[in-house]
Amino acid sequence: MKRVYTSAHADASIAISDDGVVEIVGQVHAPEAYESVTLLAASPPTRGVSYAGSALPFPCPQIAFENTPNQMVVPEGGAFSAKMWMPNAYYSHDGIERVPPSIFLTLRKKGAAVPVFVRFELPDRFPLRTLTHRKERTGPDFYTRKADAIGVRGQFEIMQMLERVKVMHGTG
C-alpha cells in the first residue's frame, strides 16, 4: 500500500509492506531554513500474550516514543529515505484522545524555540484495540440486547443460547 503526502513544509511517499515495514521517501521544502530536521514515530506494537491483549495502544506519548527504533536525522539537503517499523497508536496526554499510527517530521527553524511538526498519518491496523470502552459499546442497549433475547435461564442454558444469538446476530 502506498500513500503520497504533501504539505507546505515537505512532500513524502510512504509504502507499507505486509510484514509491517514502513518505507518513507521525501523532500523538505527550503531545508536551509532549518537547523535540524528529524523523522520520528512511536515504537512498534508490543506483541505478547497477556490478560489485556496484544498490540494495545500505548497509554501516553512518553511511553510511545521512549527508546523508539523509529527515528532518523534528515541530512542537510532535506532529502530523506528511511525504513521504519509500523508505529503503534497511543493516547494523548489527556488519556482520552487516541492518536492513530503516524510518522512525524520535526523541523526546528534557526533561532526558534518551538519546532514545526508535520504529521503523516498511517492506516490503523488495530482500530478496535483500546484501553477504554469504545463509544459504540456503551449504554443500556448494548447490555440488554442479549439479555432480552435470552431471558431468565440457568447458566448452561444461557451459554448455549448466547452461542446461538452470537451466530445468528453477529454479535461478539
N, C-alpha and C. Protein backbone atom coordinates (compact mmCIF):
# COMPACT_ATOMS: atom_id res chain seq x y z
N MET A 1 0.84 -1.17 0.00
CA MET A 1 0.00 0.00 0.00
C MET A 1 0.89 1.24 0.00
N LYS A 2 0.56 2.19 -0.84
CA LYS A 2 1.37 3.39 -0.98
C LYS A 2 0.49 4.63 -0.81
N ARG A 3 1.02 5.62 -0.09
CA ARG A 3 0.33 6.89 0.10
C ARG A 3 1.27 8.04 -0.19
N VAL A 4 0.73 9.12 -0.73
CA VAL A 4 1.51 10.32 -1.02
C VAL A 4 0.97 11.45 -0.15
N TYR A 5 1.88 12.17 0.50
CA TYR A 5 1.52 13.28 1.37
C TYR A 5 2.21 14.55 0.87
N THR A 6 1.48 15.65 0.93
CA THR A 6 2.07 16.94 0.60
C THR A 6 1.67 17.94 1.68
N SER A 7 2.61 18.82 2.00
CA SER A 7 2.32 19.88 2.96
C SER A 7 3.13 21.10 2.57
N ALA A 8 2.97 22.18 3.28
CA ALA A 8 3.72 23.40 2.99
C ALA A 8 5.20 23.23 3.32
N HIS A 9 5.53 22.23 4.16
CA HIS A 9 6.91 22.07 4.62
C HIS A 9 7.65 20.92 3.95
N ALA A 10 6.92 19.89 3.49
CA ALA A 10 7.58 18.71 2.91
C ALA A 10 6.60 17.88 2.11
N ASP A 11 7.16 17.06 1.22
CA ASP A 11 6.39 16.07 0.48
C ASP A 11 6.96 14.70 0.83
N ALA A 12 6.10 13.68 0.86
CA ALA A 12 6.57 12.34 1.19
C ALA A 12 5.71 11.29 0.52
N SER A 13 6.32 10.17 0.25
CA SER A 13 5.64 9.00 -0.27
C SER A 13 5.92 7.87 0.72
N ILE A 14 4.86 7.19 1.16
CA ILE A 14 5.01 6.15 2.18
C ILE A 14 4.44 4.84 1.64
N ALA A 15 5.24 3.79 1.71
CA ALA A 15 4.82 2.45 1.32
C ALA A 15 4.88 1.55 2.55
N ILE A 16 3.82 0.77 2.76
CA ILE A 16 3.74 -0.12 3.91
C ILE A 16 3.66 -1.55 3.40
N SER A 17 4.59 -2.38 3.84
CA SER A 17 4.58 -3.78 3.42
C SER A 17 3.70 -4.60 4.37
N ASP A 18 3.38 -5.81 3.96
CA ASP A 18 2.53 -6.69 4.76
C ASP A 18 3.19 -7.11 6.07
N ASP A 19 4.52 -7.09 6.12
CA ASP A 19 5.21 -7.50 7.34
C ASP A 19 5.46 -6.34 8.31
N GLY A 20 4.87 -5.18 8.04
CA GLY A 20 4.94 -4.06 8.98
C GLY A 20 6.12 -3.15 8.82
N VAL A 21 6.79 -3.18 7.67
CA VAL A 21 7.89 -2.26 7.42
C VAL A 21 7.35 -1.07 6.64
N VAL A 22 7.64 0.13 7.12
CA VAL A 22 7.19 1.36 6.50
C VAL A 22 8.38 2.03 5.84
N GLU A 23 8.27 2.29 4.55
CA GLU A 23 9.34 2.98 3.84
C GLU A 23 8.84 4.37 3.48
N ILE A 24 9.56 5.38 3.95
CA ILE A 24 9.18 6.76 3.69
C ILE A 24 10.30 7.45 2.91
N VAL A 25 9.91 8.09 1.81
CA VAL A 25 10.85 8.81 0.95
C VAL A 25 10.26 10.20 0.74
N GLY A 26 11.08 11.25 0.88
CA GLY A 26 10.53 12.59 0.70
C GLY A 26 11.58 13.67 0.61
N GLN A 27 11.06 14.89 0.58
CA GLN A 27 11.92 16.07 0.44
C GLN A 27 11.33 17.21 1.27
N VAL A 28 12.20 17.85 2.05
CA VAL A 28 11.81 19.03 2.83
C VAL A 28 11.92 20.24 1.93
N HIS A 29 10.91 21.12 1.96
CA HIS A 29 10.96 22.37 1.20
C HIS A 29 11.83 23.38 1.94
N ALA A 30 12.73 24.02 1.27
CA ALA A 30 13.64 25.02 1.83
C ALA A 30 14.37 24.49 3.05
N PRO A 31 15.15 23.42 2.90
CA PRO A 31 15.82 22.83 4.06
C PRO A 31 16.85 23.75 4.71
N GLU A 32 17.33 24.74 3.99
CA GLU A 32 18.33 25.66 4.56
C GLU A 32 17.75 26.53 5.68
N ALA A 33 16.42 26.61 5.78
CA ALA A 33 15.77 27.42 6.81
C ALA A 33 15.75 26.72 8.17
N TYR A 34 16.13 25.44 8.20
CA TYR A 34 16.02 24.67 9.44
C TYR A 34 17.41 24.27 9.95
N GLU A 35 17.58 24.35 11.26
CA GLU A 35 18.84 23.92 11.84
C GLU A 35 18.87 22.42 12.07
N SER A 36 17.70 21.81 12.25
CA SER A 36 17.64 20.35 12.37
C SER A 36 16.29 19.84 11.87
N VAL A 37 16.35 18.68 11.24
CA VAL A 37 15.14 18.02 10.73
C VAL A 37 15.25 16.54 11.10
N THR A 38 14.21 16.01 11.72
CA THR A 38 14.21 14.60 12.10
C THR A 38 12.89 13.93 11.76
N LEU A 39 12.96 12.64 11.53
CA LEU A 39 11.76 11.80 11.38
C LEU A 39 11.61 11.01 12.67
N LEU A 40 10.38 10.91 13.16
CA LEU A 40 10.14 10.24 14.43
C LEU A 40 8.77 9.58 14.39
N ALA A 41 8.70 8.36 14.90
CA ALA A 41 7.43 7.64 15.01
C ALA A 41 7.43 6.86 16.31
N ALA A 42 6.25 6.52 16.79
CA ALA A 42 6.13 5.74 18.02
C ALA A 42 6.75 4.36 17.82
N SER A 43 7.00 3.68 18.90
CA SER A 43 7.53 2.32 18.83
C SER A 43 6.50 1.40 18.18
N PRO A 44 6.95 0.27 17.63
CA PRO A 44 6.00 -0.69 17.07
C PRO A 44 5.13 -1.30 18.16
N PRO A 45 4.00 -1.91 17.79
CA PRO A 45 3.13 -2.53 18.79
C PRO A 45 3.86 -3.63 19.56
N THR A 46 3.53 -3.75 20.83
CA THR A 46 4.07 -4.81 21.66
C THR A 46 3.26 -6.06 21.41
N ARG A 47 3.94 -7.10 20.97
CA ARG A 47 3.26 -8.37 20.69
C ARG A 47 3.56 -9.32 21.83
N GLY A 48 2.56 -9.72 22.51
CA GLY A 48 2.74 -10.65 23.61
C GLY A 48 1.41 -11.22 24.01
N VAL A 49 1.46 -12.13 24.91
CA VAL A 49 0.23 -12.72 25.41
C VAL A 49 0.05 -12.21 26.83
N SER A 50 -1.04 -11.52 27.04
CA SER A 50 -1.34 -11.02 28.37
C SER A 50 -2.84 -11.02 28.55
N TYR A 51 -3.25 -10.78 29.77
CA TYR A 51 -4.68 -10.73 30.05
C TYR A 51 -5.35 -9.61 29.25
N ALA A 52 -4.69 -8.47 29.16
CA ALA A 52 -5.27 -7.31 28.49
C ALA A 52 -5.29 -7.47 26.97
N GLY A 53 -4.26 -8.08 26.39
CA GLY A 53 -4.23 -8.26 24.95
C GLY A 53 -2.92 -7.86 24.32
N SER A 54 -2.82 -8.10 23.03
CA SER A 54 -1.61 -7.83 22.27
C SER A 54 -1.85 -6.63 21.37
N ALA A 55 -0.80 -5.87 21.09
CA ALA A 55 -0.85 -4.70 20.20
C ALA A 55 -1.81 -3.62 20.67
N LEU A 56 -1.93 -3.48 21.99
CA LEU A 56 -2.75 -2.40 22.52
C LEU A 56 -2.03 -1.07 22.34
N PRO A 57 -2.77 0.03 22.18
CA PRO A 57 -2.10 1.33 22.04
C PRO A 57 -1.36 1.70 23.33
N PHE A 58 -0.33 2.52 23.17
CA PHE A 58 0.40 2.98 24.34
C PHE A 58 -0.47 3.96 25.13
N PRO A 59 -0.34 4.01 26.46
CA PRO A 59 -1.21 4.87 27.26
C PRO A 59 -0.89 6.36 27.18
N CYS A 60 0.34 6.72 26.74
CA CYS A 60 0.71 8.14 26.67
C CYS A 60 1.87 8.31 25.68
N PRO A 61 2.11 9.55 25.23
CA PRO A 61 3.21 9.79 24.29
C PRO A 61 4.59 9.44 24.85
N GLN A 62 4.80 9.65 26.14
CA GLN A 62 6.11 9.37 26.72
C GLN A 62 6.49 7.90 26.53
N ILE A 63 5.56 7.01 26.79
CA ILE A 63 5.83 5.58 26.64
C ILE A 63 5.91 5.20 25.17
N ALA A 64 5.10 5.83 24.33
CA ALA A 64 5.09 5.51 22.91
C ALA A 64 6.42 5.84 22.23
N PHE A 65 7.05 6.93 22.64
CA PHE A 65 8.27 7.38 21.97
C PHE A 65 9.56 7.04 22.73
N GLU A 66 9.44 6.49 23.94
CA GLU A 66 10.62 6.15 24.72
C GLU A 66 11.39 5.00 24.05
N ASN A 67 12.66 5.24 23.76
CA ASN A 67 13.54 4.25 23.12
C ASN A 67 13.00 3.71 21.80
N THR A 68 12.29 4.51 21.06
CA THR A 68 11.73 4.05 19.79
C THR A 68 12.85 3.80 18.78
N PRO A 69 12.74 2.70 18.02
CA PRO A 69 13.72 2.47 16.96
C PRO A 69 13.39 3.30 15.70
N ASN A 70 12.22 3.92 15.71
CA ASN A 70 11.74 4.67 14.55
C ASN A 70 12.15 6.14 14.61
N GLN A 71 13.42 6.41 14.37
CA GLN A 71 13.89 7.79 14.33
C GLN A 71 15.06 7.92 13.37
N MET A 72 15.17 9.10 12.77
CA MET A 72 16.23 9.35 11.80
C MET A 72 16.47 10.84 11.70
N VAL A 73 17.74 11.22 11.60
CA VAL A 73 18.11 12.61 11.36
C VAL A 73 18.16 12.79 9.85
N VAL A 74 17.45 13.81 9.35
CA VAL A 74 17.42 14.09 7.91
C VAL A 74 18.68 14.87 7.54
N PRO A 75 19.37 14.47 6.45
CA PRO A 75 20.58 15.18 6.03
C PRO A 75 20.30 16.63 5.63
N GLU A 76 21.36 17.43 5.52
CA GLU A 76 21.24 18.87 5.26
C GLU A 76 20.48 19.20 3.98
N GLY A 77 20.58 18.41 2.94
CA GLY A 77 19.89 18.70 1.69
C GLY A 77 18.38 18.58 1.77
N GLY A 78 17.86 17.95 2.83
CA GLY A 78 16.42 17.84 3.03
C GLY A 78 15.79 16.62 2.40
N ALA A 79 16.56 15.84 1.63
CA ALA A 79 16.01 14.61 1.05
C ALA A 79 16.13 13.50 2.10
N PHE A 80 15.07 12.72 2.26
CA PHE A 80 15.12 11.64 3.24
C PHE A 80 14.56 10.35 2.65
N SER A 81 15.08 9.25 3.13
CA SER A 81 14.64 7.91 2.76
C SER A 81 14.92 7.03 3.97
N ALA A 82 13.89 6.45 4.53
CA ALA A 82 14.07 5.65 5.74
C ALA A 82 13.10 4.47 5.75
N LYS A 83 13.54 3.42 6.44
CA LYS A 83 12.68 2.28 6.71
C LYS A 83 12.46 2.23 8.21
N MET A 84 11.19 2.09 8.58
CA MET A 84 10.82 2.05 9.99
C MET A 84 9.87 0.88 10.20
N TRP A 85 9.71 0.50 11.47
CA TRP A 85 8.68 -0.46 11.81
C TRP A 85 7.36 0.27 11.92
N MET A 86 6.28 -0.39 11.57
CA MET A 86 4.95 0.22 11.66
C MET A 86 4.72 0.70 13.09
N PRO A 87 4.53 2.02 13.27
CA PRO A 87 4.33 2.53 14.64
C PRO A 87 2.96 2.14 15.20
N ASN A 88 2.89 2.15 16.50
CA ASN A 88 1.64 1.82 17.18
C ASN A 88 0.86 3.11 17.46
N ALA A 89 -0.41 2.96 17.74
CA ALA A 89 -1.24 4.08 18.18
C ALA A 89 -0.92 4.37 19.65
N TYR A 90 -1.32 5.53 20.11
CA TYR A 90 -1.13 5.88 21.51
C TYR A 90 -2.18 6.91 21.91
N TYR A 91 -2.32 7.11 23.21
CA TYR A 91 -3.27 8.10 23.73
C TYR A 91 -2.53 9.40 24.00
N SER A 92 -3.24 10.51 23.80
CA SER A 92 -2.67 11.83 24.06
C SER A 92 -2.50 12.03 25.56
N HIS A 93 -1.98 13.18 25.94
CA HIS A 93 -1.72 13.46 27.36
C HIS A 93 -2.99 13.40 28.21
N ASP A 94 -4.15 13.69 27.62
CA ASP A 94 -5.38 13.66 28.41
C ASP A 94 -5.88 12.24 28.67
N GLY A 95 -5.30 11.25 27.99
CA GLY A 95 -5.69 9.86 28.19
C GLY A 95 -7.00 9.48 27.53
N ILE A 96 -7.58 10.38 26.73
CA ILE A 96 -8.88 10.11 26.11
C ILE A 96 -8.75 10.01 24.59
N GLU A 97 -8.04 10.98 24.00
CA GLU A 97 -7.92 11.01 22.54
C GLU A 97 -6.89 10.00 22.07
N ARG A 98 -7.30 9.12 21.17
CA ARG A 98 -6.43 8.09 20.62
C ARG A 98 -5.77 8.62 19.36
N VAL A 99 -4.43 8.64 19.33
CA VAL A 99 -3.68 9.13 18.17
C VAL A 99 -3.34 7.92 17.30
N PRO A 100 -3.82 7.89 16.05
CA PRO A 100 -3.52 6.74 15.19
C PRO A 100 -2.04 6.69 14.83
N PRO A 101 -1.55 5.56 14.32
CA PRO A 101 -0.15 5.46 13.94
C PRO A 101 0.24 6.59 12.99
N SER A 102 1.37 7.22 13.25
CA SER A 102 1.81 8.37 12.47
C SER A 102 3.33 8.46 12.47
N ILE A 103 3.84 9.10 11.42
CA ILE A 103 5.26 9.46 11.37
C ILE A 103 5.30 10.98 11.41
N PHE A 104 6.16 11.52 12.26
CA PHE A 104 6.28 12.97 12.42
C PHE A 104 7.59 13.45 11.83
N LEU A 105 7.51 14.52 11.08
CA LEU A 105 8.69 15.22 10.59
C LEU A 105 8.83 16.44 11.49
N THR A 106 9.93 16.52 12.23
CA THR A 106 10.16 17.63 13.17
C THR A 106 11.14 18.60 12.54
N LEU A 107 10.71 19.83 12.34
CA LEU A 107 11.51 20.86 11.69
C LEU A 107 11.79 21.97 12.71
N ARG A 108 13.05 22.15 13.08
CA ARG A 108 13.42 23.20 14.02
C ARG A 108 14.07 24.34 13.25
N LYS A 109 13.34 25.48 13.16
CA LYS A 109 13.88 26.65 12.45
C LYS A 109 15.03 27.25 13.23
N LYS A 110 15.92 27.87 12.52
CA LYS A 110 17.08 28.50 13.15
C LYS A 110 16.60 29.62 14.08
N GLY A 111 16.97 29.53 15.34
CA GLY A 111 16.61 30.54 16.32
C GLY A 111 15.23 30.36 16.93
N ALA A 112 14.45 29.38 16.49
CA ALA A 112 13.09 29.18 17.02
C ALA A 112 13.14 28.23 18.22
N ALA A 113 12.32 28.50 19.21
CA ALA A 113 12.27 27.67 20.41
C ALA A 113 11.36 26.46 20.22
N VAL A 114 10.32 26.63 19.42
CA VAL A 114 9.33 25.57 19.23
C VAL A 114 9.45 25.03 17.81
N PRO A 115 9.57 23.71 17.65
CA PRO A 115 9.68 23.16 16.30
C PRO A 115 8.33 23.10 15.60
N VAL A 116 8.39 22.91 14.29
CA VAL A 116 7.19 22.70 13.48
C VAL A 116 7.08 21.19 13.26
N PHE A 117 5.86 20.65 13.42
CA PHE A 117 5.63 19.22 13.23
C PHE A 117 4.76 19.01 11.99
N VAL A 118 5.17 18.09 11.14
CA VAL A 118 4.36 17.64 10.02
C VAL A 118 4.01 16.19 10.31
N ARG A 119 2.72 15.90 10.31
CA ARG A 119 2.26 14.55 10.66
C ARG A 119 1.82 13.81 9.42
N PHE A 120 2.38 12.62 9.24
CA PHE A 120 1.97 11.72 8.17
C PHE A 120 1.19 10.59 8.82
N GLU A 121 -0.13 10.64 8.74
CA GLU A 121 -0.96 9.63 9.40
C GLU A 121 -1.00 8.35 8.57
N LEU A 122 -0.82 7.23 9.25
CA LEU A 122 -0.81 5.92 8.61
C LEU A 122 -2.11 5.20 8.91
N PRO A 123 -2.46 4.18 8.12
CA PRO A 123 -3.68 3.43 8.42
C PRO A 123 -3.53 2.67 9.73
N ASP A 124 -4.60 2.59 10.48
CA ASP A 124 -4.59 1.92 11.77
C ASP A 124 -4.97 0.46 11.56
N ARG A 125 -4.03 -0.43 11.81
CA ARG A 125 -4.27 -1.86 11.62
C ARG A 125 -5.09 -2.47 12.76
N PHE A 126 -5.13 -1.80 13.91
CA PHE A 126 -5.84 -2.34 15.07
C PHE A 126 -6.80 -1.30 15.64
N PRO A 127 -7.79 -0.84 14.88
CA PRO A 127 -8.65 0.24 15.37
C PRO A 127 -9.55 -0.13 16.54
N LEU A 128 -9.80 -1.41 16.74
CA LEU A 128 -10.70 -1.82 17.82
C LEU A 128 -9.98 -2.10 19.13
N ARG A 129 -8.66 -2.09 19.12
CA ARG A 129 -7.91 -2.34 20.34
C ARG A 129 -7.74 -1.02 21.07
N THR A 130 -8.36 -0.95 22.23
CA THR A 130 -8.34 0.29 23.00
C THR A 130 -8.07 0.00 24.47
N LEU A 131 -7.72 1.03 25.20
CA LEU A 131 -7.55 0.90 26.64
C LEU A 131 -8.80 1.33 27.39
N THR A 132 -9.76 1.89 26.67
CA THR A 132 -11.02 2.32 27.26
C THR A 132 -12.16 1.66 26.50
N HIS A 133 -13.36 1.84 27.01
CA HIS A 133 -14.53 1.28 26.32
C HIS A 133 -14.79 2.07 25.04
N ARG A 134 -15.14 1.36 23.98
CA ARG A 134 -15.47 2.03 22.73
C ARG A 134 -16.84 2.68 22.87
N LYS A 135 -17.03 3.83 22.25
CA LYS A 135 -18.26 4.59 22.38
C LYS A 135 -19.48 3.79 21.94
N GLU A 136 -19.34 2.98 20.89
CA GLU A 136 -20.49 2.24 20.38
C GLU A 136 -20.88 1.07 21.28
N ARG A 137 -20.08 0.79 22.32
CA ARG A 137 -20.36 -0.33 23.21
C ARG A 137 -20.75 0.13 24.60
N THR A 138 -21.43 1.23 24.69
CA THR A 138 -21.89 1.71 25.99
C THR A 138 -23.38 1.93 25.94
N GLY A 139 -23.95 2.12 27.08
CA GLY A 139 -25.38 2.39 27.17
C GLY A 139 -26.18 1.13 27.39
N PRO A 140 -27.41 1.29 27.80
CA PRO A 140 -28.24 0.13 28.14
C PRO A 140 -28.55 -0.78 26.94
N ASP A 141 -28.61 -0.21 25.73
CA ASP A 141 -28.96 -1.03 24.57
C ASP A 141 -27.92 -2.12 24.34
N PHE A 142 -26.66 -1.80 24.51
CA PHE A 142 -25.61 -2.80 24.29
C PHE A 142 -25.75 -3.96 25.28
N TYR A 143 -26.06 -3.64 26.54
CA TYR A 143 -26.11 -4.67 27.56
C TYR A 143 -27.43 -5.44 27.58
N THR A 144 -28.51 -4.82 27.17
CA THR A 144 -29.80 -5.51 27.26
C THR A 144 -30.19 -6.26 26.01
N ARG A 145 -29.53 -6.01 24.89
CA ARG A 145 -29.90 -6.68 23.65
C ARG A 145 -29.80 -8.20 23.79
N LYS A 146 -28.71 -8.69 24.37
CA LYS A 146 -28.54 -10.13 24.56
C LYS A 146 -29.49 -10.65 25.64
N ALA A 147 -29.63 -9.90 26.72
CA ALA A 147 -30.49 -10.34 27.81
C ALA A 147 -31.94 -10.47 27.36
N ASP A 148 -32.41 -9.55 26.54
CA ASP A 148 -33.78 -9.63 26.04
C ASP A 148 -33.99 -10.86 25.17
N ALA A 149 -32.97 -11.22 24.40
CA ALA A 149 -33.09 -12.39 23.52
C ALA A 149 -33.02 -13.70 24.31
N ILE A 150 -32.30 -13.72 25.43
CA ILE A 150 -32.09 -14.96 26.17
C ILE A 150 -33.15 -15.18 27.25
N GLY A 151 -33.50 -14.15 27.97
CA GLY A 151 -34.45 -14.31 29.07
C GLY A 151 -33.76 -14.84 30.30
N VAL A 152 -34.56 -15.31 31.29
CA VAL A 152 -34.02 -15.84 32.55
C VAL A 152 -33.88 -17.35 32.42
N ARG A 153 -32.67 -17.86 32.57
CA ARG A 153 -32.37 -19.29 32.42
C ARG A 153 -31.21 -19.66 33.33
N GLY A 154 -30.91 -20.96 33.38
CA GLY A 154 -29.75 -21.46 34.11
C GLY A 154 -28.47 -21.14 33.33
N GLN A 155 -27.30 -21.24 34.00
CA GLN A 155 -26.04 -20.85 33.38
C GLN A 155 -25.73 -21.66 32.13
N PHE A 156 -25.95 -22.97 32.16
CA PHE A 156 -25.66 -23.79 30.99
C PHE A 156 -26.56 -23.41 29.81
N GLU A 157 -27.83 -23.20 30.09
CA GLU A 157 -28.77 -22.79 29.03
C GLU A 157 -28.41 -21.42 28.47
N ILE A 158 -27.96 -20.52 29.35
CA ILE A 158 -27.55 -19.18 28.92
C ILE A 158 -26.36 -19.28 27.96
N MET A 159 -25.39 -20.11 28.29
CA MET A 159 -24.22 -20.26 27.42
C MET A 159 -24.61 -20.82 26.05
N GLN A 160 -25.51 -21.81 26.04
CA GLN A 160 -25.95 -22.35 24.75
C GLN A 160 -26.73 -21.31 23.95
N MET A 161 -27.60 -20.58 24.61
CA MET A 161 -28.40 -19.56 23.94
C MET A 161 -27.52 -18.42 23.43
N LEU A 162 -26.53 -18.01 24.24
CA LEU A 162 -25.61 -16.95 23.82
C LEU A 162 -24.87 -17.36 22.54
N GLU A 163 -24.48 -18.62 22.46
CA GLU A 163 -23.81 -19.09 21.25
C GLU A 163 -24.72 -18.92 20.04
N ARG A 164 -25.97 -19.33 20.17
CA ARG A 164 -26.91 -19.20 19.05
C ARG A 164 -27.17 -17.74 18.69
N VAL A 165 -27.30 -16.88 19.71
CA VAL A 165 -27.56 -15.46 19.46
C VAL A 165 -26.36 -14.81 18.76
N LYS A 166 -25.15 -15.15 19.20
CA LYS A 166 -23.95 -14.58 18.60
C LYS A 166 -23.83 -14.98 17.14
N VAL A 167 -24.10 -16.23 16.85
CA VAL A 167 -24.02 -16.70 15.47
C VAL A 167 -25.12 -16.07 14.62
N MET A 168 -26.32 -16.02 15.16
CA MET A 168 -27.47 -15.52 14.41
C MET A 168 -27.38 -13.99 14.16
N HIS A 169 -26.94 -13.22 15.14
CA HIS A 169 -26.93 -11.76 15.04
C HIS A 169 -25.54 -11.17 14.78
N GLY A 170 -24.53 -12.00 14.79
CA GLY A 170 -23.18 -11.50 14.51
C GLY A 170 -22.64 -10.61 15.62
N THR A 171 -23.03 -10.87 16.86
CA THR A 171 -22.52 -10.08 17.98
C THR A 171 -21.36 -10.80 18.63
N GLY A 172 -20.50 -10.04 19.31
CA GLY A 172 -19.30 -10.67 19.90
C GLY A 172 -19.20 -10.55 21.32
